């Protein structure tokens, strides 16, 4: 795996997250068709660029990912 493939996979995840909803890891995996490794490296890429946020639902004990939308005017 190289940086280009990780970047491409990050783009796939970015497009899925772009709907404004929170996603669970398994739902992203199913929707993207990526393996665990490919999905996790793409998430790492986006996290390193501060493009996504992670949220824990303490009631349901679930982890969610969602897109960081920063608007600059």
Protein backbone atom coordinates (compact mmCIF):
# COMPACT_ATOMS: atom_id res chain seq x y z
CA UNK A 1 0.00 0.00 0.00
CA UNK A 2 1.31 3.43 -0.87
CA UNK A 3 0.32 7.01 -0.09
CA UNK A 4 -1.64 7.35 -3.31
CA UNK A 5 -3.87 4.41 -2.45
CA UNK A 6 -4.37 5.65 1.12
CA UNK A 7 -5.28 9.08 -0.27
CA UNK A 8 -7.73 7.53 -2.73
CA UNK A 9 -9.36 5.54 0.07
CA UNK A 10 -9.51 8.68 2.21
CA UNK A 11 -11.41 10.33 -0.64
CA UNK A 12 -13.92 7.48 -0.64
CA UNK A 13 -14.48 7.90 3.10
CA UNK A 14 -14.65 11.70 2.76
CA UNK A 15 -17.43 11.36 0.17
CA UNK A 16 -19.40 9.00 2.40
CA UNK A 17 -19.02 11.28 5.42
CA UNK A 18 -20.03 14.30 3.36
CA UNK A 19 -23.73 13.59 3.97
CA UNK A 20 -23.51 15.23 7.41
CA UNK A 21 -24.36 12.10 9.38
CA UNK A 22 -22.41 10.23 12.04
CA UNK A 23 -21.14 6.85 10.91
CA UNK A 24 -20.11 3.74 12.80
CA UNK A 25 -16.96 1.92 11.68
CA UNK A 26 -18.87 -1.13 10.44
CA UNK A 27 -21.31 1.00 8.45
CA UNK A 28 -18.42 2.85 6.77
CA UNK A 29 -16.73 -0.46 6.04
CA UNK A 30 -19.86 -1.87 4.41
CA UNK A 31 -20.64 1.27 2.41
CA UNK A 32 -17.07 1.78 1.21
CA UNK A 33 -16.23 -1.84 0.48
CA UNK A 34 -12.78 -1.29 2.02
CA UNK A 35 -10.98 -3.83 4.17
CA UNK A 36 -10.36 -3.06 7.84
CA UNK A 37 -6.76 -2.11 7.07
CA UNK A 38 -7.67 0.15 4.14
CA UNK A 39 -10.48 1.79 6.07
CA UNK A 40 -8.34 2.37 9.14
CA UNK A 41 -5.48 3.91 7.15
CA UNK A 42 -7.96 6.19 5.36
CA UNK A 43 -9.47 7.25 8.70
CA UNK A 44 -5.96 7.89 10.01
CA UNK A 45 -5.18 10.04 6.98
CA UNK A 46 -8.32 12.14 7.50
CA UNK A 47 -7.75 12.36 11.26
CA UNK A 48 -4.17 13.56 10.73
CA UNK A 49 -5.52 16.33 8.51
CA UNK A 50 -8.18 17.24 11.13
CA UNK A 51 -10.93 16.40 8.64
CA UNK A 52 -12.96 14.11 10.89
CA UNK A 53 -14.13 13.97 14.47
CA UNK A 54 -14.67 10.99 16.71
CA UNK A 55 -17.56 10.82 19.16
CA UNK A 56 -18.42 8.28 21.83
CA UNK A 57 -22.03 7.64 22.77
CA UNK A 58 -21.65 6.76 26.44
CA UNK A 59 -25.21 5.50 26.73
CA UNK A 60 -25.01 3.02 23.84
CA UNK A 61 -21.23 2.53 24.07
CA UNK A 62 -20.74 3.20 20.36
CA UNK A 63 -18.06 5.13 18.52
CA UNK A 64 -19.01 7.45 15.67
CA UNK A 65 -17.10 9.32 12.99
CA UNK A 66 -18.24 12.47 11.27
CA UNK A 67 -16.84 15.09 8.96
CA UNK A 68 -15.21 18.24 10.26
CA UNK A 69 -16.69 21.09 8.27
CA UNK A 70 -14.64 24.23 8.60
CA UNK A 71 -15.81 27.18 6.58
CA UNK A 72 -13.50 30.09 5.94
CA UNK A 73 -14.89 33.33 4.56
